[in-house]
C-alpha atoms as a PDB file:
ATOM      1  CA  UNK A   1       9.561  19.203  -8.620  1.00  0.00           C
ATOM      2  CA  UNK A   2       7.004  18.819  -5.825  1.00  0.00           C
ATOM      3  CA  UNK A   3       6.323  15.987  -3.412  1.00  0.00           C
ATOM      4  CA  UNK A   4       2.772  15.871  -4.733  1.00  0.00           C
ATOM      5  CA  UNK A   5       4.076  15.175  -8.232  1.00  0.00           C
ATOM      6  CA  UNK A   6       6.279  12.368  -6.937  1.00  0.00           C
ATOM      7  CA  UNK A   7       3.304  10.862  -5.086  1.00  0.00           C
ATOM      8  CA  UNK A   8       1.290  10.939  -8.307  1.00  0.00           C
ATOM      9  CA  UNK A   9       4.154   9.393 -10.281  1.00  0.00           C
ATOM     10  CA  UNK A  10       4.678   6.569  -7.752  1.00  0.00           C
ATOM     11  CA  UNK A  11       0.956   5.765  -7.658  1.00  0.00           C
ATOM     12  CA  UNK A  12       0.803   5.414 -11.448  1.00  0.00           C
ATOM     13  CA  UNK A  13       3.980   3.310 -11.435  1.00  0.00           C
ATOM     14  CA  UNK A  14       2.559   0.942  -8.815  1.00  0.00           C
ATOM     15  CA  UNK A  15      -0.922   0.681 -10.308  1.00  0.00           C
ATOM     16  CA  UNK A  16       0.282   0.693 -13.952  1.00  0.00           C
ATOM     17  CA  UNK A  17      -2.967   2.459 -14.688  1.00  0.00           C
ATOM     18  CA  UNK A  18      -3.936   6.150 -14.532  1.00  0.00           C
ATOM     19  CA  UNK A  19      -7.582   5.579 -13.591  1.00  0.00           C
ATOM     20  CA  UNK A  20      -6.766   3.227 -10.708  1.00  0.00           C
ATOM     21  CA  UNK A  21      -4.029   5.551  -9.487  1.00  0.00           C
ATOM     22  CA  UNK A  22      -6.446   8.518  -9.547  1.00  0.00           C
ATOM     23  CA  UNK A  23      -9.033   6.528  -7.573  1.00  0.00           C
ATOM     24  CA  UNK A  24      -6.389   5.506  -5.041  1.00  0.00           C
ATOM     25  CA  UNK A  25      -5.284   9.120  -4.549  1.00  0.00           C
ATOM     26  CA  UNK A  26      -8.839  10.513  -4.662  1.00  0.00           C
ATOM     27  CA  UNK A  27      -7.938  12.986  -7.433  1.00  0.00           C
ATOM     28  CA  UNK A  28      -9.320  13.484 -10.919  1.00  0.00           C
ATOM     29  CA  UNK A  29      -7.728  11.507 -13.724  1.00  0.00           C
ATOM     30  CA  UNK A  30      -7.197  14.666 -15.747  1.00  0.00           C
ATOM     31  CA  UNK A  31      -5.423  16.332 -12.821  1.00  0.00           C
ATOM     32  CA  UNK A  32      -3.238  13.263 -12.283  1.00  0.00           C
ATOM     33  CA  UNK A  33      -2.322  13.118 -15.981  1.00  0.00           C
ATOM     34  CA  UNK A  34      -1.470  16.815 -15.996  1.00  0.00           C
ATOM     35  CA  UNK A  35       0.746  16.392 -12.922  1.00  0.00           C
ATOM     36  CA  UNK A  36       2.691  13.540 -14.534  1.00  0.00           C
ATOM     37  CA  UNK A  37       3.037  15.431 -17.821  1.00  0.00           C
ATOM     38  CA  UNK A  38       4.396  18.441 -15.936  1.00  0.00           C
ATOM     39  CA  UNK A  39       6.956  16.219 -14.239  1.00  0.00           C
ATOM     40  CA  UNK A  40       7.993  14.716 -17.575  1.00  0.00           C
ATOM     41  CA  UNK A  41       8.289  18.200 -19.048  1.00  0.00           C
ATOM     42  CA  UNK A  42      10.493  19.321 -16.156  1.00  0.00           C
ATOM     43  CA  UNK A  43      12.731  16.254 -16.493  1.00  0.00           C
ATOM     44  CA  UNK A  44      12.652  16.508 -20.310  1.00  0.00           C
ATOM     45  CA  UNK A  45      11.980  12.800 -20.819  1.00  0.00           C
ATOM     46  CA  UNK A  46       8.988  10.408 -20.885  1.00  0.00           C
ATOM     47  CA  UNK A  47       8.539   8.490 -17.638  1.00  0.00           C
ATOM     48  CA  UNK A  48       5.878   6.085 -18.915  1.00  0.00           C
ATOM     49  CA  UNK A  49       5.331   4.168 -22.116  1.00  0.00           C
ATOM     50  CA  UNK A  50       1.591   4.433 -22.749  1.00  0.00           C
ATOM     51  CA  UNK A  51      -0.686   2.362 -24.959  1.00  0.00           C
ATOM     52  CA  UNK A  52      -4.465   2.020 -24.965  1.00  0.00           C
ATOM     53  CA  UNK A  53      -4.134  -0.962 -22.612  1.00  0.00           C
ATOM     54  CA  UNK A  54      -0.918  -0.613 -20.629  1.00  0.00           C
ATOM     55  CA  UNK A  55       1.167   1.939 -18.766  1.00  0.00           C
ATOM     56  CA  UNK A  56       4.762   0.899 -18.192  1.00  0.00           C
ATOM     57  CA  UNK A  57       7.823   2.660 -16.835  1.00  0.00           C
ATOM     58  CA  UNK A  58      10.488   3.777 -19.257  1.00  0.00           C
ATOM     59  CA  UNK A  59      14.144   3.336 -18.313  1.00  0.00           C
ATOM     60  CA  UNK A  60      14.144   6.905 -17.002  1.00  0.00           C
ATOM     61  CA  UNK A  61      10.934   6.236 -15.082  1.00  0.00           C
ATOM     62  CA  UNK A  62      12.411   3.143 -13.432  1.00  0.00           C
ATOM     63  CA  UNK A  63      15.431   5.185 -12.317  1.00  0.00           C
ATOM     64  CA  UNK A  64      13.200   7.923 -10.931  1.00  0.00           C
ATOM     65  CA  UNK A  65      10.972   5.448  -9.063  1.00  0.00           C
ATOM     66  CA  UNK A  66      13.810   4.368  -6.775  1.00  0.00           C
ATOM     67  CA  UNK A  67      14.672   7.934  -5.826  1.00  0.00           C
ATOM     68  CA  UNK A  68      11.026   9.043  -5.630  1.00  0.00           C
ATOM     69  CA  UNK A  69      10.199   6.303  -3.121  1.00  0.00           C
ATOM     70  CA  UNK A  70      13.270   7.234  -1.074  1.00  0.00           C
ATOM     71  CA  UNK A  71      12.370  10.940  -1.154  1.00  0.00           C
ATOM     72  CA  UNK A  72       8.758  10.335  -0.118  1.00  0.00           C
ATOM     73  CA  UNK A  73       9.891   7.999   2.666  1.00  0.00           C
ATOM     74  CA  UNK A  74      12.271  10.697   3.903  1.00  0.00           C
ATOM     75  CA  UNK A  75       9.498  13.304   3.871  1.00  0.00           C
ATOM     76  CA  UNK A  76       7.205  10.970   5.835  1.00  0.00           C
ATOM     77  CA  UNK A  77       9.980  10.267   8.330  1.00  0.00           C
ATOM     78  CA  UNK A  78      10.568  13.999   8.809  1.00  0.00           C
ATOM     79  CA  UNK A  79       6.885  14.653   9.519  1.00  0.00           C
ATOM     80  CA  UNK A  80       6.669  11.654  11.813  1.00  0.00           C
ATOM     81  CA  UNK A  81       9.768  12.728  13.759  1.00  0.00           C
ATOM     82  CA  UNK A  82       8.268  16.151  14.440  1.00  0.00           C
ATOM     83  CA  UNK A  83       5.004  14.577  15.604  1.00  0.00           C
ATOM     84  CA  UNK A  84       6.915  12.169  17.851  1.00  0.00           C
ATOM     85  CA  UNK A  85       8.660  15.076  19.584  1.00  0.00           C
ATOM     86  CA  UNK A  86       5.213  16.559  20.220  1.00  0.00           C
ATOM     87  CA  UNK A  87       4.121  13.289  21.807  1.00  0.00           C
ATOM     88  CA  UNK A  88       1.959  12.265  18.863  1.00  0.00           C
ATOM     89  CA  UNK A  89       2.206   9.433  16.398  1.00  0.00           C
ATOM     90  CA  UNK A  90       0.661  10.471  13.122  1.00  0.00           C
ATOM     91  CA  UNK A  91       1.272   9.651   9.514  1.00  0.00           C
ATOM     92  CA  UNK A  92       1.398   6.240   7.881  1.00  0.00           C
ATOM     93  CA  UNK A  93       2.869   2.900   8.902  1.00  0.00           C
ATOM     94  CA  UNK A  94       3.419   0.696   5.852  1.00  0.00           C
ATOM     95  CA  UNK A  95       4.000  -2.932   6.761  1.00  0.00           C
ATOM     96  CA  UNK A  96       4.952  -5.757   4.414  1.00  0.00           C
ATOM     97  CA  UNK A  97       4.213  -9.359   5.303  1.00  0.00           C
ATOM     98  CA  UNK A  98       4.805 -12.823   3.909  1.00  0.00           C
ATOM     99  CA  UNK A  99       1.813 -15.124   3.710  1.00  0.00           C
ATOM    100  CA  UNK A 100       1.237 -17.104   6.926  1.00  0.00           C
ATOM    101  CA  UNK A 101       4.485 -15.931   8.498  1.00  0.00           C
ATOM    102  CA  UNK A 102       5.256 -17.765  11.742  1.00  0.00           C
ATOM    103  CA  UNK A 103       5.943 -16.211  15.119  1.00  0.00           C
ATOM    104  CA  UNK A 104       3.502 -13.302  15.097  1.00  0.00           C
ATOM    105  CA  UNK A 105      -0.235 -12.718  14.695  1.00  0.00           C
ATOM    106  CA  UNK A 106      -0.349  -9.874  12.180  1.00  0.00           C
ATOM    107  CA  UNK A 107      -4.052  -9.128  12.720  1.00  0.00           C
ATOM    108  CA  UNK A 108      -3.749  -9.058  16.515  1.00  0.00           C
ATOM    109  CA  UNK A 109      -0.579  -6.999  16.337  1.00  0.00           C
ATOM    110  CA  UNK A 110      -2.080  -4.354  14.048  1.00  0.00           C
ATOM    111  CA  UNK A 111      -5.262  -4.205  16.147  1.00  0.00           C
ATOM    112  CA  UNK A 112      -3.172  -3.487  19.253  1.00  0.00           C
ATOM    113  CA  UNK A 113      -1.148  -0.881  17.353  1.00  0.00           C
ATOM    114  CA  UNK A 114      -4.328   0.849  16.176  1.00  0.00           C
ATOM    115  CA  UNK A 115      -5.701   0.972  19.734  1.00  0.00           C
ATOM    116  CA  UNK A 116      -2.517   2.600  21.012  1.00  0.00           C
ATOM    117  CA  UNK A 117      -1.970   4.928  18.054  1.00  0.00           C
ATOM    118  CA  UNK A 118      -5.395   5.676  16.518  1.00  0.00           C
ATOM    119  CA  UNK A 119      -4.081   8.625  14.482  1.00  0.00           C
ATOM    120  CA  UNK A 120      -1.641   6.466  12.521  1.00  0.00           C
ATOM    121  CA  UNK A 121      -2.837   5.176   9.166  1.00  0.00           C
ATOM    122  CA  UNK A 122      -1.902   1.520   8.622  1.00  0.00           C
ATOM    123  CA  UNK A 123      -1.128   0.117   5.202  1.00  0.00           C
ATOM    124  CA  UNK A 124      -0.487  -3.600   4.704  1.00  0.00           C
ATOM    125  CA  UNK A 125       1.217  -5.152   1.676  1.00  0.00           C
ATOM    126  CA  UNK A 126       1.396  -8.941   1.263  1.00  0.00           C
ATOM    127  CA  UNK A 127       4.333  -9.829  -0.976  1.00  0.00           C
ATOM    128  CA  UNK A 128       7.092 -12.361  -1.487  1.00  0.00           C
ATOM    129  CA  UNK A 129      10.407 -12.246   0.320  1.00  0.00           C
ATOM    130  CA  UNK A 130      12.458 -10.521  -2.404  1.00  0.00           C
ATOM    131  CA  UNK A 131       9.853  -7.790  -2.861  1.00  0.00           C
ATOM    132  CA  UNK A 132       9.720  -7.234   0.901  1.00  0.00           C
ATOM    133  CA  UNK A 133      13.489  -6.803   1.115  1.00  0.00           C
ATOM    134  CA  UNK A 134      13.463  -4.360  -1.789  1.00  0.00           C
ATOM    135  CA  UNK A 135      10.573  -2.473  -0.210  1.00  0.00           C
ATOM    136  CA  UNK A 136      12.346  -1.969   3.112  1.00  0.00           C
ATOM    137  CA  UNK A 137      15.660  -1.119   1.432  1.00  0.00           C
ATOM    138  CA  UNK A 138      13.992   1.439  -0.843  1.00  0.00           C
ATOM    139  CA  UNK A 139      11.860   3.033   1.867  1.00  0.00           C
ATOM    140  CA  UNK A 140       8.554   1.858   0.360  1.00  0.00           C
ATOM    141  CA  UNK A 141       7.962  -0.249   3.496  1.00  0.00           C
ATOM    142  CA  UNK A 142       8.712   0.783   7.092  1.00  0.00           C
ATOM    143  CA  UNK A 143       9.403  -2.827   8.033  1.00  0.00           C
ATOM    144  CA  UNK A 144       8.388  -6.331   6.968  1.00  0.00           C
ATOM    145  CA  UNK A 145       7.712  -9.802   8.322  1.00  0.00           C
ATOM    146  CA  UNK A 146       9.521 -12.168   5.974  1.00  0.00           C
ATOM    147  CA  UNK A 147      10.746 -15.739   5.834  1.00  0.00           C
ATOM    148  CA  UNK A 148      14.025 -17.578   5.293  1.00  0.00           C
ATOM    149  CA  UNK A 149      16.043 -14.528   4.380  1.00  0.00           C
ATOM    150  CA  UNK A 150      19.838 -14.403   4.520  1.00  0.00           C
ATOM    151  CA  UNK A 151      20.569 -11.396   2.300  1.00  0.00           C
ATOM    152  CA  UNK A 152      24.228 -10.537   1.795  1.00  0.00           C
ATOM    153  CA  UNK A 153      25.369  -7.125   3.004  1.00  0.00           C
ATOM    154  CA  UNK A 154      21.993  -6.251   4.555  1.00  0.00           C
ATOM    155  CA  UNK A 155      22.480  -2.876   6.227  1.00  0.00           C
ATOM    156  CA  UNK A 156      19.490  -3.092   8.520  1.00  0.00           C
ATOM    157  CA  UNK A 157      18.535  -5.543  11.227  1.00  0.00           C
ATOM    158  CA  UNK A 158      16.908  -8.977  11.020  1.00  0.00           C
ATOM    159  CA  UNK A 159      14.993  -9.769  14.225  1.00  0.00           C
ATOM    160  CA  UNK A 160      14.210 -13.508  14.615  1.00  0.00           C
ATOM    161  CA  UNK A 161      10.555 -14.415  15.090  1.00  0.00           C
ATOM    162  CA  UNK A 162      10.366 -18.202  14.852  1.00  0.00           C
ATOM    163  CA  UNK A 163      12.111 -21.385  13.721  1.00  0.00           C
ATOM    164  CA  UNK A 164      10.247 -24.610  13.020  1.00  0.00           C
ATOM    165  CA  UNK A 165      10.840 -27.825  11.073  1.00  0.00           C
ATOM    166  CA  UNK A 166       9.563 -28.484   7.576  1.00  0.00           C
ATOM    167  CA  UNK A 167       7.168 -31.441   7.334  1.00  0.00           C
ATOM    168  CA  UNK A 168       5.621 -33.504   4.572  1.00  0.00           C
ATOM    169  CA  UNK A 169       1.878 -32.995   4.208  1.00  0.00           C
ATOM    170  CA  UNK A 170      -0.201 -35.581   2.343  1.00  0.00           C
ATOM    171  CA  UNK A 171      -3.695 -37.026   2.075  1.00  0.00           C
ATOM    172  CA  UNK A 172      -4.552 -39.987   4.346  1.00  0.00           C
ATOM    173  CA  UNK A 173      -4.575 -42.515   1.509  1.00  0.00           C
ATOM    174  CA  UNK A 174      -1.127 -41.594   0.228  1.00  0.00           C
ATOM    175  CA  UNK A 175       1.624 -44.217   0.429  1.00  0.00           C
ATOM    176  CA  UNK A 176       3.755 -41.925   2.631  1.00  0.00           C
ATOM    177  CA  UNK A 177       0.957 -41.077   5.084  1.00  0.00           C
ATOM    178  CA  UNK A 178       2.527 -42.839   8.047  1.00  0.00           C
ATOM    179  CA  UNK A 179       1.874 -40.956  11.283  1.00  0.00           C
ATOM    180  CA  UNK A 180       4.747 -41.165  13.729  1.00  0.00           C
ATOM    181  CA  UNK A 181       7.154 -42.264  10.987  1.00  0.00           C
ATOM    182  CA  UNK A 182      10.052 -40.394   9.414  1.00  0.00           C
ATOM    183  CA  UNK A 183      10.410 -40.178   5.650  1.00  0.00           C
ATOM    184  CA  UNK A 184      13.777 -40.191   3.862  1.00  0.00           C
ATOM    185  CA  UNK A 185      14.271 -37.783   0.976  1.00  0.00           C
ATOM    186  CA  UNK A 186      14.897 -40.672  -1.383  1.00  0.00           C
ATOM    187  CA  UNK A 187      11.344 -41.894  -0.780  1.00  0.00           C
ATOM    188  CA  UNK A 188       9.978 -38.678  -2.331  1.00  0.00           C
ATOM    189  CA  UNK A 189      11.425 -39.492  -5.750  1.00  0.00           C
ATOM    190  CA  UNK A 190       8.804 -39.476  -8.484  1.00  0.00           C
ATOM    191  CA  UNK A 191       6.162 -37.687  -6.421  1.00  0.00           C
ATOM    192  CA  UNK A 192       4.176 -34.713  -7.699  1.00  0.00           C
ATOM    193  CA  UNK A 193       4.473 -31.631  -5.484  1.00  0.00           C
ATOM    194  CA  UNK A 194       2.233 -28.682  -4.724  1.00  0.00           C
ATOM    195  CA  UNK A 195       3.984 -25.485  -3.673  1.00  0.00           C
ATOM    196  CA  UNK A 196       3.936 -21.699  -3.741  1.00  0.00           C
ATOM    197  CA  UNK A 197       5.464 -19.413  -6.335  1.00  0.00           C
ATOM    198  CA  UNK A 198       9.279 -19.240  -6.060  1.00  0.00           C
ATOM    199  CA  UNK A 199       9.446 -15.895  -4.200  1.00  0.00           C
ATOM    200  CA  UNK A 200       7.272 -16.999  -1.262  1.00  0.00           C
ATOM    201  CA  UNK A 201       9.085 -17.956   1.924  1.00  0.00           C
ATOM    202  CA  UNK A 202       7.751 -21.519   2.322  1.00  0.00           C
ATOM    203  CA  UNK A 203       8.763 -22.316  -1.271  1.00  0.00           C
ATOM    204  CA  UNK A 204      12.241 -20.910  -0.710  1.00  0.00           C
ATOM    205  CA  UNK A 205      12.563 -23.014   2.453  1.00  0.00           C
ATOM    206  CA  UNK A 206      11.383 -26.157   0.649  1.00  0.00           C
ATOM    207  CA  UNK A 207      13.700 -25.544  -2.320  1.00  0.00           C
ATOM    208  CA  UNK A 208      16.588 -25.068   0.106  1.00  0.00           C
ATOM    209  CA  UNK A 209      15.746 -28.302   1.936  1.00  0.00           C
ATOM    210  CA  UNK A 210      15.670 -30.324  -1.289  1.00  0.00           C
ATOM    211  CA  UNK A 211      18.922 -28.764  -2.482  1.00  0.00           C
ATOM    212  CA  UNK A 212      20.762 -29.483   0.758  1.00  0.00           C
ATOM    213  CA  UNK A 213      19.441 -33.068   0.747  1.00  0.00           C
ATOM    214  CA  UNK A 214      20.664 -33.525  -2.833  1.00  0.00           C
ATOM    215  CA  UNK A 215      17.150 -34.450  -3.955  1.00  0.00           C
ATOM    216  CA  UNK A 216      15.205 -33.378  -7.007  1.00  0.00           C
ATOM    217  CA  UNK A 217      11.490 -32.812  -7.320  1.00  0.00           C
ATOM    218  CA  UNK A 218       8.828 -31.628  -9.740  1.00  0.00           C
ATOM    219  CA  UNK A 219       6.461 -28.872  -8.633  1.00  0.00           C
ATOM    220  CA  UNK A 220       3.428 -29.651 -10.736  1.00  0.00           C
ATOM    221  CA  UNK A 221       0.981 -27.211  -9.153  1.00  0.00           C
ATOM    222  CA  UNK A 222       1.998 -23.690  -8.092  1.00  0.00           C
ATOM    223  CA  UNK A 223      -0.381 -21.636  -5.948  1.00  0.00           C
ATOM    224  CA  UNK A 224      -0.336 -18.225  -4.286  1.00  0.00           C
ATOM    225  CA  UNK A 225      -2.250 -18.978  -1.069  1.00  0.00           C
ATOM    226  CA  UNK A 226      -2.118 -21.623   1.643  1.00  0.00           C
ATOM    227  CA  UNK A 227      -5.811 -22.524   1.438  1.00  0.00           C
ATOM    228  CA  UNK A 228      -5.505 -23.581  -2.210  1.00  0.00           C
ATOM    229  CA  UNK A 229      -2.404 -25.618  -1.364  1.00  0.00           C
ATOM    230  CA  UNK A 230      -4.173 -27.493   1.431  1.00  0.00           C
ATOM    231  CA  UNK A 231      -7.268 -28.087  -0.715  1.00  0.00           C
ATOM    232  CA  UNK A 232      -5.188 -29.596  -3.522  1.00  0.00           C
ATOM    233  CA  UNK A 233      -3.371 -31.877  -1.057  1.00  0.00           C
ATOM    234  CA  UNK A 234      -6.754 -32.961   0.347  1.00  0.00           C
ATOM    235  CA  UNK A 235      -7.811 -33.998  -3.162  1.00  0.00           C
ATOM    236  CA  UNK A 236      -4.715 -36.150  -3.557  1.00  0.00           C
ATOM    237  CA  UNK A 237      -3.320 -34.102  -6.446  1.00  0.00           C
ATOM    238  CA  UNK A 238       0.125 -33.995  -4.877  1.00  0.00           C
ATOM    239  CA  UNK A 239       2.064 -33.683  -1.638  1.00  0.00           C
ATOM    240  CA  UNK A 240       3.682 -30.625  -0.063  1.00  0.00           C
ATOM    241  CA  UNK A 241       6.732 -29.850   2.059  1.00  0.00           C
ATOM    242  CA  UNK A 242       5.609 -27.004   4.321  1.00  0.00           C
ATOM    243  CA  UNK A 243       6.380 -25.308   7.645  1.00  0.00           C
ATOM    244  CA  UNK A 244       5.039 -27.336  10.545  1.00  0.00           C
ATOM    245  CA  UNK A 245       2.435 -24.745  11.595  1.00  0.00           C
ATOM    246  CA  UNK A 246       0.567 -25.279   8.297  1.00  0.00           C
ATOM    247  CA  UNK A 247      -0.431 -28.713   9.604  1.00  0.00           C
ATOM    248  CA  UNK A 248      -2.192 -27.079  12.583  1.00  0.00           C
ATOM    249  CA  UNK A 249      -4.493 -24.929  10.465  1.00  0.00           C
ATOM    250  CA  UNK A 250      -8.208 -25.857  10.560  1.00  0.00           C
ATOM    251  CA  UNK A 251      -8.142 -26.388   6.796  1.00  0.00           C
ATOM    252  CA  UNK A 252      -5.433 -29.037   7.253  1.00  0.00           C
ATOM    253  CA  UNK A 253      -7.637 -31.212   9.476  1.00  0.00           C
ATOM    254  CA  UNK A 254      -7.616 -34.739   8.104  1.00  0.00           C
ATOM    255  CA  UNK A 255      -4.248 -34.430   6.380  1.00  0.00           C
ATOM    256  CA  UNK A 256      -1.211 -36.354   7.635  1.00  0.00           C
ATOM    257  CA  UNK A 257       1.973 -34.503   8.636  1.00  0.00           C
ATOM    258  CA  UNK A 258       5.070 -36.688   8.370  1.00  0.00           C
ATOM    259  CA  UNK A 259       8.538 -35.873   9.697  1.00  0.00           C
ATOM    260  CA  UNK A 260      11.401 -35.601   7.233  1.00  0.00           C
ATOM    261  CA  UNK A 261      14.997 -36.716   7.672  1.00  0.00           C
ATOM    262  CA  UNK A 262      17.407 -33.988   8.727  1.00  0.00           C
ATOM    263  CA  UNK A 263      16.991 -30.628  10.447  1.00  0.00           C
ATOM    264  CA  UNK A 264      15.545 -28.465   7.679  1.00  0.00           C
ATOM    265  CA  UNK A 265      13.856 -25.440   9.192  1.00  0.00           C
ATOM    266  CA  UNK A 266      11.603 -22.577   8.231  1.00  0.00           C
ATOM    267  CA  UNK A 267      12.652 -19.241   9.713  1.00  0.00           C
ATOM    268  CA  UNK A 268      10.730 -16.002   9.949  1.00  0.00           C
ATOM    269  CA  UNK A 269      12.182 -12.599  10.774  1.00  0.00           C
ATOM    270  CA  UNK A 270      11.330  -8.931  11.050  1.00  0.00           C
ATOM    271  CA  UNK A 271      13.187  -7.018   8.329  1.00  0.00           C
ATOM    272  CA  UNK A 272      14.185  -3.551   9.559  1.00  0.00           C
ATOM    273  CA  UNK A 273      16.026  -0.690   7.879  1.00  0.00           C
ATOM    274  CA  UNK A 274      19.174   0.795   9.484  1.00  0.00           C
ATOM    275  CA  UNK A 275      18.424   2.221  12.930  1.00  0.00           C
ATOM    276  CA  UNK A 276      18.771   5.825  11.785  1.00  0.00           C
ATOM    277  CA  UNK A 277      16.169   5.245   9.054  1.00  0.00           C
ATOM    278  CA  UNK A 278      13.507   3.646  11.273  1.00  0.00           C
ATOM    279  CA  UNK A 279      10.296   5.650  11.427  1.00  0.00           C
ATOM    280  CA  UNK A 280       8.599   6.368  14.771  1.00  0.00           C
ATOM    281  CA  UNK A 281       5.720   4.139  13.686  1.00  0.00           C
ATOM    282  CA  UNK A 282       8.081   1.233  13.020  1.00  0.00           C
ATOM    283  CA  UNK A 283       9.717   1.695  16.418  1.00  0.00           C
ATOM    284  CA  UNK A 284       6.299   1.698  18.112  1.00  0.00           C
ATOM    285  CA  UNK A 285       5.274  -1.460  16.272  1.00  0.00           C
ATOM    286  CA  UNK A 286       8.499  -3.222  17.251  1.00  0.00           C
ATOM    287  CA  UNK A 287       7.726  -2.456  20.910  1.00  0.00           C
ATOM    288  CA  UNK A 288       4.524  -4.464  20.478  1.00  0.00           C
ATOM    289  CA  UNK A 289       6.242  -7.227  18.495  1.00  0.00           C
ATOM    290  CA  UNK A 290       8.470  -7.917  21.471  1.00  0.00           C
ATOM    291  CA  UNK A 291       5.487  -8.398  23.788  1.00  0.00           C
ATOM    292  CA  UNK A 292       4.839 -12.123  24.300  1.00  0.00           C
ATOM    293  CA  UNK A 293       0.977 -12.048  24.100  1.00  0.00           C
ATOM    294  CA  UNK A 294       1.171 -10.812  20.503  1.00  0.00           C
ATOM    295  CA  UNK A 295       3.637 -13.511  19.499  1.00  0.00           C
END
């Protein structure tokens, strides 16, 4: 079993498509297929269930994926450690990030990292909180910027980035659009809400706030990006409970942000693996994270 074969296997598993995986790896599709078949032959079991339309992991393939990602992460860490001793930072930094995470400017941070370490390849993955935690734990991600996470028995480190209140966002003509006022949770009864999919940090924070307040709500419109959420609120199709910094976005101009009863907060953190598993690239990025101008 070769690292190259594991790289091919992981690419197909992530893309769920041989052609896309071959394009991503810049190899021929026939060569990629042959590599995966050789791996299956060596392991004496199919790793993928193939049809004319889909490619899905078998039970054996799912088990291998966890170990393959860990093995490839270990190989990258070994190469990076040798380069670090030589005074170089090479290899790949793979960063996961929640949408619109508070407390850090991802674009500015990565630009500064690239200026300081031009030989490092940067890969960015935008995912929900659960996927980010799994990615760091499994070695698929070097580190991640996530939101409202309190995972039990987390073996790594959670570095706080920001804490801010949750606010109610609504169109100017809405009955609750009272600037300077404070809205009780009972007043939200019967309203239609716009929110993110359940794995996104702001949705988890909002769900937690409603649960702790003993209030129920109906999420009528689920979106996967903040711009769609703000546009739908503008059109009066519902209201949204969001982190306060959403109200300061240019796209939120004209909307009314109303305070809510209680101290419900949105938290963002850096999710790190155990210290001994941190890659040199992750350590270099954390040095920049702690610099105030990039926060």
